[in-house]
């Protein structure tokens, strides 16, 4: 089964631009006194530094050193293209350009080493986005509960004083006994003209003191 090869215009353009830049760098290095295999090594050194700086920029956009070396490599490549366009006499290269071309290998080695061996800052892992925003975390502070106050000393409760015993009720006096005592008291009043004392009536009847007092109270004797 035949396989069709798709030619990308951008890829073709990149190959043409790389070949032309490679040839210009070779011509400039050869004109600056670097002959033989050395003139072919210069374009490779410039392109490798340019690729290393570009790869560094893809992983660390804010790396200033990567931008610095990328600009240096781009200036070397672009400068060689402009210099070989007739603005520079390749048969009479100035001394400063010869010095710059001769010192380029050391400069390219320094830049490549720094780009490769300088650690990149770790990027924070992306947090998964939930459908609902996460509730803000609330820091819980433990509040100390006040200690309970000690119980107040119990005041002694005084028991109520026992009620005083009620005086014994006066005994009931039979009606016949009361009539008999009245007759004796009336006789004593009639003979003496004075009321009969209660103790005398009690002695005359021979009754106990409570009964005698009850009869005296009824007869109003003193």
N, C-alpha and C. Protein backbone atom coordinates (compact mmCIF):
# COMPACT_ATOMS: atom_id res chain seq x y z
N UNK A 1 0.86 -1.18 0.00
CA UNK A 1 0.00 0.00 0.00
C UNK A 1 0.90 1.23 0.00
N UNK A 2 0.65 2.11 -0.90
CA UNK A 2 1.47 3.32 -1.01
C UNK A 2 1.09 4.32 0.07
N UNK A 3 2.08 4.98 0.58
CA UNK A 3 1.89 6.00 1.61
C UNK A 3 2.21 7.36 1.02
N UNK A 4 1.28 8.30 1.15
CA UNK A 4 1.48 9.65 0.61
C UNK A 4 2.24 10.48 1.62
N UNK A 5 3.20 11.21 1.16
CA UNK A 5 4.01 12.07 2.01
C UNK A 5 3.50 13.50 1.85
N UNK A 6 3.10 14.08 2.97
CA UNK A 6 2.58 15.44 2.94
C UNK A 6 3.71 16.42 3.23
N UNK A 7 3.97 17.30 2.30
CA UNK A 7 5.04 18.27 2.43
C UNK A 7 4.47 19.53 3.08
N UNK A 8 5.06 19.91 4.23
CA UNK A 8 4.62 21.10 4.94
C UNK A 8 5.43 22.29 4.46
N UNK A 9 4.75 23.37 4.10
CA UNK A 9 5.45 24.56 3.59
C UNK A 9 6.33 25.19 4.65
N UNK A 10 5.87 25.13 5.89
CA UNK A 10 6.68 25.70 6.97
C UNK A 10 7.96 24.90 7.16
N UNK A 11 7.87 23.57 7.05
CA UNK A 11 9.06 22.73 7.20
C UNK A 11 10.06 23.02 6.08
N UNK A 12 9.56 23.15 4.86
CA UNK A 12 10.46 23.46 3.74
C UNK A 12 11.12 24.81 3.95
N UNK A 13 10.35 25.78 4.43
CA UNK A 13 10.90 27.10 4.66
C UNK A 13 11.96 27.06 5.75
N UNK A 14 11.75 26.25 6.77
CA UNK A 14 12.72 26.13 7.85
C UNK A 14 14.02 25.50 7.35
N UNK A 15 13.90 24.50 6.48
CA UNK A 15 15.11 23.86 5.94
C UNK A 15 15.91 24.85 5.08
N UNK A 16 15.22 25.62 4.27
CA UNK A 16 15.91 26.59 3.42
C UNK A 16 16.59 27.67 4.27
N UNK A 17 15.85 28.19 5.27
CA UNK A 17 16.43 29.24 6.12
C UNK A 17 17.61 28.71 6.91
N UNK A 18 17.51 27.47 7.42
CA UNK A 18 18.62 26.91 8.17
C UNK A 18 19.85 26.69 7.30
N UNK A 19 19.64 26.25 6.06
CA UNK A 19 20.78 26.01 5.17
C UNK A 19 21.48 27.31 4.81
N UNK A 20 20.69 28.35 4.51
CA UNK A 20 21.29 29.63 4.18
C UNK A 20 22.03 30.24 5.37
N UNK A 21 21.41 30.18 6.57
CA UNK A 21 22.08 30.71 7.75
C UNK A 21 23.35 29.93 8.05
N UNK A 22 23.28 28.62 7.86
CA UNK A 22 24.47 27.78 8.08
C UNK A 22 25.60 28.20 7.14
N UNK A 23 25.26 28.46 5.87
CA UNK A 23 26.29 28.84 4.89
C UNK A 23 26.87 30.21 5.20
N UNK A 24 26.02 31.14 5.64
CA UNK A 24 26.52 32.49 5.97
C UNK A 24 27.46 32.47 7.16
N UNK A 25 27.11 31.68 8.17
CA UNK A 25 28.00 31.56 9.33
C UNK A 25 29.33 30.92 8.93
N UNK A 26 29.28 29.95 8.06
CA UNK A 26 30.52 29.30 7.61
C UNK A 26 31.39 30.30 6.85
N UNK A 27 30.79 31.07 5.97
CA UNK A 27 31.57 32.05 5.19
C UNK A 27 32.17 33.11 6.08
N UNK A 28 31.40 33.56 7.09
CA UNK A 28 31.93 34.60 7.99
C UNK A 28 33.07 34.05 8.83
N UNK A 29 32.92 32.83 9.36
CA UNK A 29 34.00 32.24 10.16
C UNK A 29 35.25 32.01 9.32
N UNK A 30 35.06 31.59 8.07
CA UNK A 30 36.23 31.36 7.20
C UNK A 30 36.92 32.68 6.87
N UNK A 31 36.11 33.74 6.68
CA UNK A 31 36.71 35.04 6.38
C UNK A 31 37.44 35.60 7.59
N UNK A 32 37.01 35.20 8.82
CA UNK A 32 37.66 35.69 10.04
C UNK A 32 38.87 34.86 10.42
N UNK A 33 39.30 33.93 9.55
CA UNK A 33 40.52 33.18 9.79
C UNK A 33 40.31 31.76 10.28
N UNK A 34 39.06 31.31 10.40
CA UNK A 34 38.79 29.95 10.85
C UNK A 34 38.57 29.09 9.60
N UNK A 35 39.60 28.38 9.21
CA UNK A 35 39.55 27.60 7.97
C UNK A 35 39.32 26.13 8.27
N UNK A 36 39.03 25.38 7.22
CA UNK A 36 38.88 23.93 7.34
C UNK A 36 37.63 23.55 8.11
N UNK A 37 37.80 22.50 8.93
CA UNK A 37 36.66 21.98 9.71
C UNK A 37 36.16 22.99 10.72
N UNK A 38 37.04 23.92 11.17
CA UNK A 38 36.63 24.92 12.17
C UNK A 38 35.54 25.84 11.62
N UNK A 39 35.61 26.17 10.35
CA UNK A 39 34.59 27.05 9.78
C UNK A 39 33.23 26.36 9.76
N UNK A 40 33.21 25.03 9.60
CA UNK A 40 31.94 24.29 9.60
C UNK A 40 31.40 24.08 11.03
N UNK A 41 32.26 24.12 12.04
CA UNK A 41 31.82 23.92 13.42
C UNK A 41 31.10 25.14 13.98
N UNK A 42 31.42 26.32 13.45
CA UNK A 42 30.79 27.54 13.98
C UNK A 42 29.27 27.57 13.76
N UNK A 43 28.76 27.28 12.58
CA UNK A 43 27.30 27.28 12.43
C UNK A 43 26.60 26.29 13.35
N UNK A 44 27.25 25.12 13.53
CA UNK A 44 26.64 24.12 14.43
C UNK A 44 26.58 24.65 15.85
N UNK A 45 27.64 25.33 16.31
CA UNK A 45 27.67 25.88 17.67
C UNK A 45 26.58 26.93 17.87
N UNK A 46 26.40 27.80 16.87
CA UNK A 46 25.39 28.85 17.00
C UNK A 46 23.99 28.25 17.03
N UNK A 47 23.72 27.30 16.12
CA UNK A 47 22.38 26.70 16.05
C UNK A 47 22.06 25.89 17.31
N UNK A 48 23.06 25.19 17.85
CA UNK A 48 22.82 24.41 19.07
C UNK A 48 22.50 25.31 20.25
N UNK A 49 23.18 26.45 20.35
CA UNK A 49 22.89 27.39 21.43
C UNK A 49 21.48 27.97 21.26
N UNK A 50 21.10 28.24 20.02
CA UNK A 50 19.77 28.78 19.77
C UNK A 50 18.68 27.77 20.14
N UNK A 51 18.90 26.50 19.80
CA UNK A 51 17.92 25.46 20.14
C UNK A 51 17.84 25.24 21.65
N UNK A 52 18.99 25.24 22.32
CA UNK A 52 18.99 25.04 23.78
C UNK A 52 18.26 26.17 24.50
N UNK A 53 18.48 27.40 24.04
CA UNK A 53 17.79 28.54 24.67
C UNK A 53 16.28 28.46 24.42
N UNK A 54 15.89 28.04 23.21
CA UNK A 54 14.46 27.93 22.89
C UNK A 54 13.78 26.85 23.73
N UNK A 55 14.44 25.72 23.91
CA UNK A 55 13.87 24.64 24.74
C UNK A 55 13.76 25.08 26.20
N UNK A 56 14.73 25.87 26.64
CA UNK A 56 14.66 26.38 28.01
C UNK A 56 13.50 27.34 28.17
N UNK A 57 13.22 28.15 27.16
CA UNK A 57 12.11 29.10 27.24
C UNK A 57 10.76 28.38 27.24
N UNK A 58 10.66 27.23 26.65
CA UNK A 58 9.40 26.49 26.62
C UNK A 58 9.01 25.96 27.99
N UNK A 59 10.00 25.71 28.84
CA UNK A 59 9.73 25.21 30.20
C UNK A 59 9.76 26.30 31.25
N UNK A 60 10.47 27.39 30.98
CA UNK A 60 10.56 28.49 31.96
C UNK A 60 10.49 29.81 31.20
N UNK A 61 9.27 30.32 31.06
CA UNK A 61 9.06 31.55 30.30
C UNK A 61 9.70 32.76 30.96
N UNK A 62 9.79 32.74 32.29
CA UNK A 62 10.30 33.92 33.01
C UNK A 62 11.80 33.82 33.32
N UNK A 63 12.48 32.87 32.68
CA UNK A 63 13.92 32.71 32.92
C UNK A 63 14.67 33.77 32.10
N UNK A 64 15.25 34.75 32.79
CA UNK A 64 15.95 35.83 32.09
C UNK A 64 17.21 35.33 31.40
N UNK A 65 17.88 34.36 32.02
CA UNK A 65 19.11 33.86 31.40
C UNK A 65 18.81 33.17 30.07
N UNK A 66 17.67 32.46 29.99
CA UNK A 66 17.31 31.81 28.72
C UNK A 66 17.05 32.84 27.64
N UNK A 67 16.37 33.94 28.00
CA UNK A 67 16.14 35.00 27.03
C UNK A 67 17.46 35.65 26.60
N UNK A 68 18.39 35.79 27.54
CA UNK A 68 19.68 36.43 27.21
C UNK A 68 20.45 35.60 26.19
N UNK A 69 20.55 34.29 26.44
CA UNK A 69 21.31 33.43 25.52
C UNK A 69 20.57 33.25 24.19
N UNK A 70 19.24 33.29 24.23
CA UNK A 70 18.50 33.22 22.98
C UNK A 70 18.77 34.43 22.10
N UNK A 71 18.82 35.61 22.71
CA UNK A 71 19.11 36.84 21.97
C UNK A 71 20.54 36.83 21.43
N UNK A 72 21.50 36.31 22.23
CA UNK A 72 22.90 36.25 21.77
C UNK A 72 23.04 35.33 20.56
N UNK A 73 22.41 34.15 20.64
CA UNK A 73 22.52 33.22 19.50
C UNK A 73 21.81 33.77 18.27
N UNK A 74 20.64 34.42 18.50
CA UNK A 74 19.92 35.00 17.36
C UNK A 74 20.71 36.15 16.74
N UNK A 75 21.39 36.95 17.57
CA UNK A 75 22.20 38.06 17.05
C UNK A 75 23.39 37.54 16.24
N UNK A 76 23.99 36.42 16.70
CA UNK A 76 25.12 35.85 15.95
C UNK A 76 24.67 35.34 14.59
N UNK A 77 23.51 34.64 14.57
CA UNK A 77 23.02 34.13 13.29
C UNK A 77 22.57 35.26 12.36
N UNK A 78 21.81 36.21 12.92
CA UNK A 78 21.33 37.32 12.09
C UNK A 78 22.48 38.22 11.66
N UNK A 79 23.46 38.41 12.54
CA UNK A 79 24.61 39.25 12.18
C UNK A 79 25.41 38.66 11.04
N UNK A 80 25.56 37.33 11.03
CA UNK A 80 26.31 36.69 9.94
C UNK A 80 25.56 36.83 8.62
N UNK A 81 24.22 36.73 8.67
CA UNK A 81 23.44 36.88 7.43
C UNK A 81 23.58 38.29 6.87
N UNK A 82 23.55 39.29 7.76
CA UNK A 82 23.65 40.67 7.29
C UNK A 82 25.07 40.98 6.82
N UNK A 83 26.08 40.45 7.53
CA UNK A 83 27.47 40.76 7.18
C UNK A 83 27.84 40.20 5.81
N UNK A 84 27.30 39.05 5.47
CA UNK A 84 27.63 38.44 4.17
C UNK A 84 26.77 38.97 3.04
N UNK A 85 25.91 39.97 3.31
CA UNK A 85 25.05 40.54 2.27
C UNK A 85 25.73 41.67 1.53
N UNK A 86 27.03 41.87 1.73
CA UNK A 86 27.77 42.91 1.03
C UNK A 86 28.09 44.10 1.89
N UNK A 87 27.59 44.12 3.14
CA UNK A 87 27.90 45.24 4.02
C UNK A 87 29.29 45.13 4.63
N UNK A 88 29.90 43.95 4.52
CA UNK A 88 31.22 43.72 5.11
C UNK A 88 32.13 43.12 4.04
N UNK A 89 33.34 43.65 3.97
CA UNK A 89 34.33 43.12 3.02
C UNK A 89 34.93 41.85 3.63
N UNK A 90 34.55 40.72 3.08
CA UNK A 90 35.02 39.45 3.63
C UNK A 90 36.51 39.22 3.36
N UNK A 91 37.09 40.03 2.48
CA UNK A 91 38.53 39.89 2.23
C UNK A 91 39.35 40.75 3.18
N UNK A 92 38.69 41.65 3.90
CA UNK A 92 39.38 42.49 4.87
C UNK A 92 38.51 42.62 6.11
N UNK A 93 38.47 41.58 6.91
CA UNK A 93 37.62 41.53 8.13
C UNK A 93 38.31 42.32 9.23
N UNK A 94 37.58 43.20 9.95
CA UNK A 94 38.21 44.00 11.02
C UNK A 94 38.66 43.12 12.18
N UNK A 95 39.55 43.70 12.96
CA UNK A 95 40.15 42.92 14.05
C UNK A 95 39.12 42.55 15.12
N UNK A 96 38.21 43.46 15.43
CA UNK A 96 37.23 43.17 16.49
C UNK A 96 36.32 41.99 16.13
N UNK A 97 36.03 41.83 14.80
CA UNK A 97 35.22 40.70 14.37
C UNK A 97 36.01 39.40 14.47
N UNK A 98 37.32 39.45 14.15
CA UNK A 98 38.15 38.25 14.29
C UNK A 98 38.20 37.80 15.76
N UNK A 99 38.32 38.81 16.67
CA UNK A 99 38.36 38.47 18.10
C UNK A 99 37.02 37.87 18.55
N UNK A 100 35.92 38.44 18.05
CA UNK A 100 34.59 37.95 18.43
C UNK A 100 34.37 36.53 17.92
N UNK A 101 34.80 36.26 16.69
CA UNK A 101 34.63 34.90 16.14
C UNK A 101 35.52 33.92 16.88
N UNK A 102 36.74 34.32 17.23
CA UNK A 102 37.65 33.41 17.93
C UNK A 102 37.16 33.11 19.35
N UNK A 103 36.49 34.09 19.99
CA UNK A 103 36.01 33.85 21.36
C UNK A 103 34.63 33.23 21.43
N UNK A 104 34.00 33.05 20.29
CA UNK A 104 32.64 32.49 20.31
C UNK A 104 32.55 31.08 20.90
N UNK A 105 33.46 30.14 20.63
CA UNK A 105 33.32 28.79 21.20
C UNK A 105 33.23 28.78 22.73
N UNK A 106 34.06 29.56 23.36
CA UNK A 106 34.00 29.60 24.83
C UNK A 106 32.68 30.20 25.31
N UNK A 107 32.22 31.25 24.62
CA UNK A 107 30.95 31.87 25.00
C UNK A 107 29.78 30.91 24.79
N UNK A 108 29.78 30.19 23.68
CA UNK A 108 28.71 29.23 23.40
C UNK A 108 28.72 28.08 24.40
N UNK A 109 29.91 27.61 24.79
CA UNK A 109 30.00 26.52 25.77
C UNK A 109 29.47 26.97 27.13
N UNK A 110 29.79 28.21 27.53
CA UNK A 110 29.29 28.72 28.80
C UNK A 110 27.76 28.82 28.78
N UNK A 111 27.20 29.38 27.70
CA UNK A 111 25.76 29.51 27.62
C UNK A 111 25.05 28.17 27.60
N UNK A 112 25.57 27.21 26.83
CA UNK A 112 24.94 25.89 26.79
C UNK A 112 24.98 25.18 28.12
N UNK A 113 26.09 25.33 28.85
CA UNK A 113 26.20 24.68 30.16
C UNK A 113 25.20 25.28 31.15
N UNK A 114 25.09 26.60 31.17
CA UNK A 114 24.15 27.24 32.09
C UNK A 114 22.70 26.88 31.75
N UNK A 115 22.38 26.79 30.47
CA UNK A 115 21.01 26.47 30.09
C UNK A 115 20.62 25.04 30.44
N UNK A 116 21.56 24.13 30.34
CA UNK A 116 21.26 22.71 30.57
C UNK A 116 21.27 22.37 32.05
N UNK A 117 22.19 22.91 32.80
CA UNK A 117 22.39 22.47 34.18
C UNK A 117 21.77 23.39 35.22
N UNK A 118 21.14 24.46 34.82
CA UNK A 118 20.44 25.31 35.79
C UNK A 118 19.07 24.71 36.06
N UNK A 119 18.75 24.39 37.34
CA UNK A 119 17.44 23.77 37.63
C UNK A 119 16.31 24.76 37.39
N UNK A 120 15.24 24.22 36.93
CA UNK A 120 14.03 25.04 36.74
C UNK A 120 13.19 25.03 37.99
N UNK A 121 12.43 26.10 38.17
CA UNK A 121 11.55 26.17 39.34
C UNK A 121 10.38 25.22 39.15
N UNK A 122 10.07 24.40 40.17
CA UNK A 122 8.93 23.49 40.02
C UNK A 122 7.62 24.25 39.95
N UNK A 123 6.84 23.85 39.00
CA UNK A 123 5.53 24.50 38.86
C UNK A 123 4.52 23.81 39.77
N UNK A 124 3.65 24.61 40.37
CA UNK A 124 2.64 24.05 41.27
C UNK A 124 1.64 23.24 40.47
N UNK A 125 1.28 22.04 40.93
CA UNK A 125 0.29 21.23 40.21
C UNK A 125 -1.05 21.93 40.17
N UNK A 126 -1.67 21.81 39.02
CA UNK A 126 -2.98 22.45 38.86
C UNK A 126 -4.01 21.73 39.72
N UNK A 127 -4.76 22.49 40.43
CA UNK A 127 -5.79 21.91 41.29
C UNK A 127 -7.04 21.66 40.49
N UNK A 128 -7.69 20.51 40.70
CA UNK A 128 -8.92 20.22 39.96
C UNK A 128 -10.01 21.20 40.32
N UNK A 129 -10.73 21.62 39.28
CA UNK A 129 -11.81 22.57 39.47
C UNK A 129 -13.09 21.82 39.75
N UNK A 130 -13.68 22.08 40.85
CA UNK A 130 -14.95 21.45 41.20
C UNK A 130 -16.08 22.26 40.60
N UNK A 131 -17.24 21.61 40.51
CA UNK A 131 -18.42 22.31 40.01
C UNK A 131 -18.83 23.43 40.93
N UNK A 132 -18.73 23.17 42.19
CA UNK A 132 -19.12 24.18 43.17
C UNK A 132 -17.88 24.71 43.86
N UNK A 133 -17.83 26.01 44.09
CA UNK A 133 -16.64 26.56 44.77
C UNK A 133 -16.54 25.99 46.18
N UNK A 134 -15.29 25.71 46.53
CA UNK A 134 -15.07 25.15 47.86
C UNK A 134 -15.36 26.20 48.92
N UNK A 135 -15.96 25.74 49.96
CA UNK A 135 -16.29 26.65 51.06
C UNK A 135 -15.01 27.07 51.75
N UNK A 136 -14.91 28.33 52.12
CA UNK A 136 -13.69 28.78 52.80
C UNK A 136 -13.51 28.08 54.12
N UNK A 137 -12.27 27.73 54.36
CA UNK A 137 -11.97 27.05 55.60
C UNK A 137 -12.05 28.04 56.76
N UNK A 138 -12.71 27.61 57.75
CA UNK A 138 -12.88 28.45 58.94
C UNK A 138 -12.03 27.85 60.04
N UNK A 139 -11.18 28.65 60.52
CA UNK A 139 -10.33 28.19 61.61
C UNK A 139 -11.12 28.19 62.90
N UNK A 140 -11.15 27.01 63.48
CA UNK A 140 -11.92 26.85 64.71
C UNK A 140 -11.02 27.13 65.90
N UNK A 141 -11.45 28.04 66.72
CA UNK A 141 -10.72 28.37 67.94
C UNK A 141 -11.48 27.79 69.12
N UNK A 142 -10.75 27.12 69.96
CA UNK A 142 -11.35 26.54 71.14
C UNK A 142 -11.48 27.59 72.21
N UNK A 143 -12.70 27.82 72.60
CA UNK A 143 -12.95 28.81 73.65
C UNK A 143 -13.00 28.10 74.98
N UNK A 144 -12.30 28.65 75.91
CA UNK A 144 -12.26 28.04 77.23
C UNK A 144 -13.52 28.40 77.99
N UNK A 145 -14.20 27.36 78.42
CA UNK A 145 -15.42 27.58 79.19
C UNK A 145 -15.07 28.03 80.59
N UNK A 146 -15.77 29.01 81.09
CA UNK A 146 -15.46 29.45 82.46
C UNK A 146 -15.75 28.35 83.45
N UNK A 147 -14.86 28.26 84.43
CA UNK A 147 -15.04 27.25 85.45
C UNK A 147 -16.25 27.58 86.30
N UNK A 148 -17.03 26.57 86.63
CA UNK A 148 -18.21 26.86 87.46
C UNK A 148 -17.80 27.36 88.84
N UNK A 149 -18.54 28.32 89.31
CA UNK A 149 -18.25 28.91 90.62
C UNK A 149 -18.53 27.88 91.71
N UNK A 150 -17.69 27.86 92.72
CA UNK A 150 -17.92 26.89 93.80
C UNK A 150 -19.27 27.15 94.46
N UNK A 151 -19.94 26.09 94.83
CA UNK A 151 -21.26 26.28 95.45
C UNK A 151 -21.16 27.06 96.76
N UNK A 152 -22.08 27.95 96.91
CA UNK A 152 -22.09 28.75 98.15
C UNK A 152 -22.42 27.86 99.35
N UNK A 153 -21.81 28.28 100.45
CA UNK A 153 -22.04 27.49 101.67
C UNK A 153 -23.52 27.52 102.03
N UNK A 154 -24.02 26.34 102.25
CA UNK A 154 -25.45 26.23 102.56
C UNK A 154 -25.72 26.81 103.95
N UNK A 155 -26.62 27.71 103.95
CA UNK A 155 -26.99 28.32 105.24
C UNK A 155 -27.91 27.35 105.99
N UNK A 156 -27.61 27.12 107.23
CA UNK A 156 -28.44 26.18 108.00
C UNK A 156 -29.88 26.68 108.11
N UNK A 157 -30.76 25.80 107.80
CA UNK A 157 -32.19 26.12 107.90
C UNK A 157 -32.66 25.77 109.31
N UNK A 158 -33.12 26.80 109.99
CA UNK A 158 -33.59 26.59 111.36
C UNK A 158 -34.95 25.94 111.33
N UNK A 159 -35.03 24.88 112.04
CA UNK A 159 -36.33 24.19 112.13
C UNK A 159 -37.30 25.05 112.93
N UNK A 160 -38.52 25.13 112.50
CA UNK A 160 -39.49 25.94 113.25
C UNK A 160 -39.69 25.40 114.66
N UNK A 161 -39.82 26.37 115.53
CA UNK A 161 -40.00 25.98 116.94
C UNK A 161 -41.28 25.16 117.08
N UNK A 162 -41.20 24.11 117.85
CA UNK A 162 -42.40 23.29 118.03
C UNK A 162 -43.51 24.11 118.69
N UNK A 163 -44.72 23.96 118.23
CA UNK A 163 -45.82 24.75 118.83
C UNK A 163 -46.02 24.38 120.30
N UNK A 164 -46.34 25.44 121.00
CA UNK A 164 -46.58 25.20 122.43
C UNK A 164 -47.82 24.33 122.61
N UNK A 165 -47.71 23.43 123.53
CA UNK A 165 -48.88 22.54 123.74
C UNK A 165 -50.09 23.34 124.23
N UNK A 166 -51.16 23.06 123.57
CA UNK A 166 -52.40 23.76 123.97
C UNK A 166 -52.82 23.34 125.38
N UNK A 167 -53.28 24.31 126.11
CA UNK A 167 -53.73 23.97 127.49
C UNK A 167 -54.84 22.93 127.44
N UNK A 168 -54.82 22.06 128.38
CA UNK A 168 -55.85 20.99 128.37
C UNK A 168 -57.24 21.61 128.48
N UNK A 169 -58.08 21.07 127.66
CA UNK A 169 -59.46 21.58 127.66
C UNK A 169 -60.14 21.27 129.00
N UNK A 170 -60.93 22.23 129.38
CA UNK A 170 -61.64 22.03 130.67
C UNK A 170 -62.61 20.85 130.56
N UNK A 171 -62.59 20.01 131.55
CA UNK A 171 -63.49 18.85 131.49
C UNK A 171 -64.97 19.29 131.55
N UNK A 172 -65.73 18.50 130.86
CA UNK A 172 -67.19 18.79 130.86
C UNK A 172 -67.81 18.51 132.26
N UNK A 173 -68.60 19.44 132.73
CA UNK A 173 -69.21 19.31 134.08
C UNK A 173 -70.64 18.78 133.91
N UNK A 174 -70.94 17.71 134.52
CA UNK A 174 -72.33 17.23 134.44
C UNK A 174 -73.31 18.26 135.01
N UNK A 175 -74.48 18.28 134.44
CA UNK A 175 -75.48 19.27 134.86
C UNK A 175 -75.93 19.07 136.31
N UNK A 176 -76.02 17.83 136.72
CA UNK A 176 -76.46 17.55 138.11
C UNK A 176 -75.42 18.02 139.11
N UNK A 177 -74.10 17.77 138.73
CA UNK A 177 -73.02 18.22 139.62
C UNK A 177 -72.96 19.72 139.66
N UNK A 178 -73.21 20.36 138.52
CA UNK A 178 -73.18 21.81 138.50
C UNK A 178 -74.32 22.40 139.34
N UNK A 179 -75.53 21.78 139.29
CA UNK A 179 -76.65 22.26 140.11
C UNK A 179 -76.36 22.09 141.60
N UNK A 180 -75.74 20.95 141.94
CA UNK A 180 -75.42 20.70 143.36
C UNK A 180 -74.41 21.72 143.86
N UNK A 181 -73.38 22.05 142.99
CA UNK A 181 -72.38 23.02 143.41
C UNK A 181 -72.99 24.41 143.52
N UNK A 182 -73.97 24.72 142.68
CA UNK A 182 -74.60 26.04 142.76
C UNK A 182 -75.42 26.18 144.06
N UNK A 183 -76.09 25.10 144.43
CA UNK A 183 -76.86 25.15 145.69
C UNK A 183 -75.93 25.38 146.89
N UNK A 184 -74.77 24.69 146.89
CA UNK A 184 -73.83 24.86 148.01
C UNK A 184 -73.31 26.30 148.01
N UNK A 185 -73.00 26.86 146.81
CA UNK A 185 -72.49 28.23 146.75
C UNK A 185 -73.55 29.23 147.18
N UNK A 186 -74.82 28.98 146.80
CA UNK A 186 -75.88 29.90 147.19
C UNK A 186 -76.11 29.85 148.71
N UNK A 187 -76.03 28.68 149.27
CA UNK A 187 -76.22 28.56 150.72
C UNK A 187 -75.12 29.31 151.46
N UNK A 188 -73.87 29.15 150.95
CA UNK A 188 -72.76 29.85 151.60
C UNK A 188 -72.94 31.36 151.47
N UNK A 189 -73.47 31.87 150.37
CA UNK A 189 -73.66 33.30 150.19
C UNK A 189 -74.77 33.79 151.12
N UNK A 190 -75.78 32.95 151.23
CA UNK A 190 -76.91 33.40 152.06
C UNK A 190 -76.54 33.45 153.54
N UNK A 191 -75.67 32.53 153.98
CA UNK A 191 -75.33 32.50 155.39
C UNK A 191 -74.22 33.48 155.75
N UNK A 192 -73.31 33.69 154.79
CA UNK A 192 -72.16 34.57 155.09
C UNK A 192 -72.26 35.91 154.40
N UNK A 193 -73.05 35.98 153.34
CA UNK A 193 -73.17 37.24 152.62
C UNK A 193 -72.03 37.48 151.62
N UNK A 194 -71.12 36.53 151.48
CA UNK A 194 -70.01 36.65 150.51
C UNK A 194 -69.98 35.43 149.60
N UNK A 195 -69.44 35.58 148.39
CA UNK A 195 -69.34 34.41 147.50
C UNK A 195 -68.42 33.36 148.11
N UNK A 196 -68.72 32.13 147.78
CA UNK A 196 -67.93 31.02 148.30
C UNK A 196 -66.64 30.91 147.49
N UNK A 197 -65.48 30.83 148.15
CA UNK A 197 -64.23 30.69 147.43
C UNK A 197 -64.20 29.39 146.64
N UNK A 198 -63.41 29.40 145.53
CA UNK A 198 -63.34 28.23 144.68
C UNK A 198 -62.65 27.07 145.38
N UNK A 199 -61.61 27.36 146.20
CA UNK A 199 -60.91 26.28 146.87
C UNK A 199 -61.79 25.65 147.95
N UNK A 200 -62.64 26.49 148.53
CA UNK A 200 -63.54 25.94 149.54
C UNK A 200 -64.59 25.04 148.91
N UNK A 201 -65.07 25.44 147.71
CA UNK A 201 -66.04 24.60 147.02
C UNK A 201 -65.39 23.30 146.57
N UNK A 202 -64.12 23.38 146.12
CA UNK A 202 -63.43 22.17 145.68
C UNK A 202 -63.24 21.22 146.85
N UNK A 203 -62.92 21.82 148.05
CA UNK A 203 -62.73 20.96 149.22
C UNK A 203 -64.06 20.37 149.68
N UNK A 204 -65.12 21.12 149.57
CA UNK A 204 -66.44 20.64 149.99
C UNK A 204 -66.91 19.50 149.08
N UNK A 205 -66.67 19.64 147.77
CA UNK A 205 -67.14 18.59 146.84
C UNK A 205 -66.16 17.43 146.74
N UNK A 206 -64.93 17.66 147.09
CA UNK A 206 -63.91 16.61 146.99
C UNK A 206 -63.61 16.20 145.55
N UNK A 207 -63.58 17.21 144.68
CA UNK A 207 -63.33 16.94 143.25
C UNK A 207 -61.87 17.26 142.89
N UNK A 208 -61.37 16.69 141.82
CA UNK A 208 -60.02 17.05 141.37
C UNK A 208 -59.96 18.52 140.92
N UNK A 209 -58.76 19.03 140.89
CA UNK A 209 -58.57 20.46 140.60
C UNK A 209 -59.15 20.86 139.24
N UNK A 210 -58.94 20.12 138.14
CA UNK A 210 -59.51 20.54 136.86
C UNK A 210 -61.02 20.63 136.90
N UNK A 211 -61.68 19.67 137.56
CA UNK A 211 -63.14 19.68 137.64
C UNK A 211 -63.63 20.83 138.52
N UNK A 212 -62.92 21.06 139.61
CA UNK A 212 -63.30 22.14 140.50
C UNK A 212 -63.13 23.49 139.83
N UNK A 213 -62.02 23.65 139.05
CA UNK A 213 -61.81 24.92 138.35
C UNK A 213 -62.90 25.15 137.31
N UNK A 214 -63.31 24.07 136.64
CA UNK A 214 -64.39 24.20 135.64
C UNK A 214 -65.70 24.62 136.28
N UNK A 215 -66.01 24.05 137.47
CA UNK A 215 -67.25 24.43 138.17
C UNK A 215 -67.15 25.88 138.65
N UNK A 216 -65.99 26.28 139.16
CA UNK A 216 -65.82 27.65 139.62
C UNK A 216 -65.96 28.63 138.49
N UNK A 217 -65.48 28.26 137.30
CA UNK A 217 -65.60 29.15 136.15
C UNK A 217 -67.06 29.29 135.75
N UNK A 218 -67.80 28.19 135.85
CA UNK A 218 -69.19 28.26 135.49
C UNK A 218 -69.99 29.11 136.49
N UNK A 219 -69.62 28.97 137.74
CA UNK A 219 -70.34 29.72 138.81
C UNK A 219 -69.73 31.10 139.02
N UNK A 220 -68.63 31.41 138.30
CA UNK A 220 -67.93 32.70 138.40
C UNK A 220 -67.49 32.94 139.84
N UNK A 221 -66.83 31.92 140.41
CA UNK A 221 -66.31 32.00 141.77
C UNK A 221 -64.83 32.37 141.65
N UNK A 222 -64.29 33.03 142.62
CA UNK A 222 -62.88 33.41 142.64
C UNK A 222 -62.10 32.47 143.51
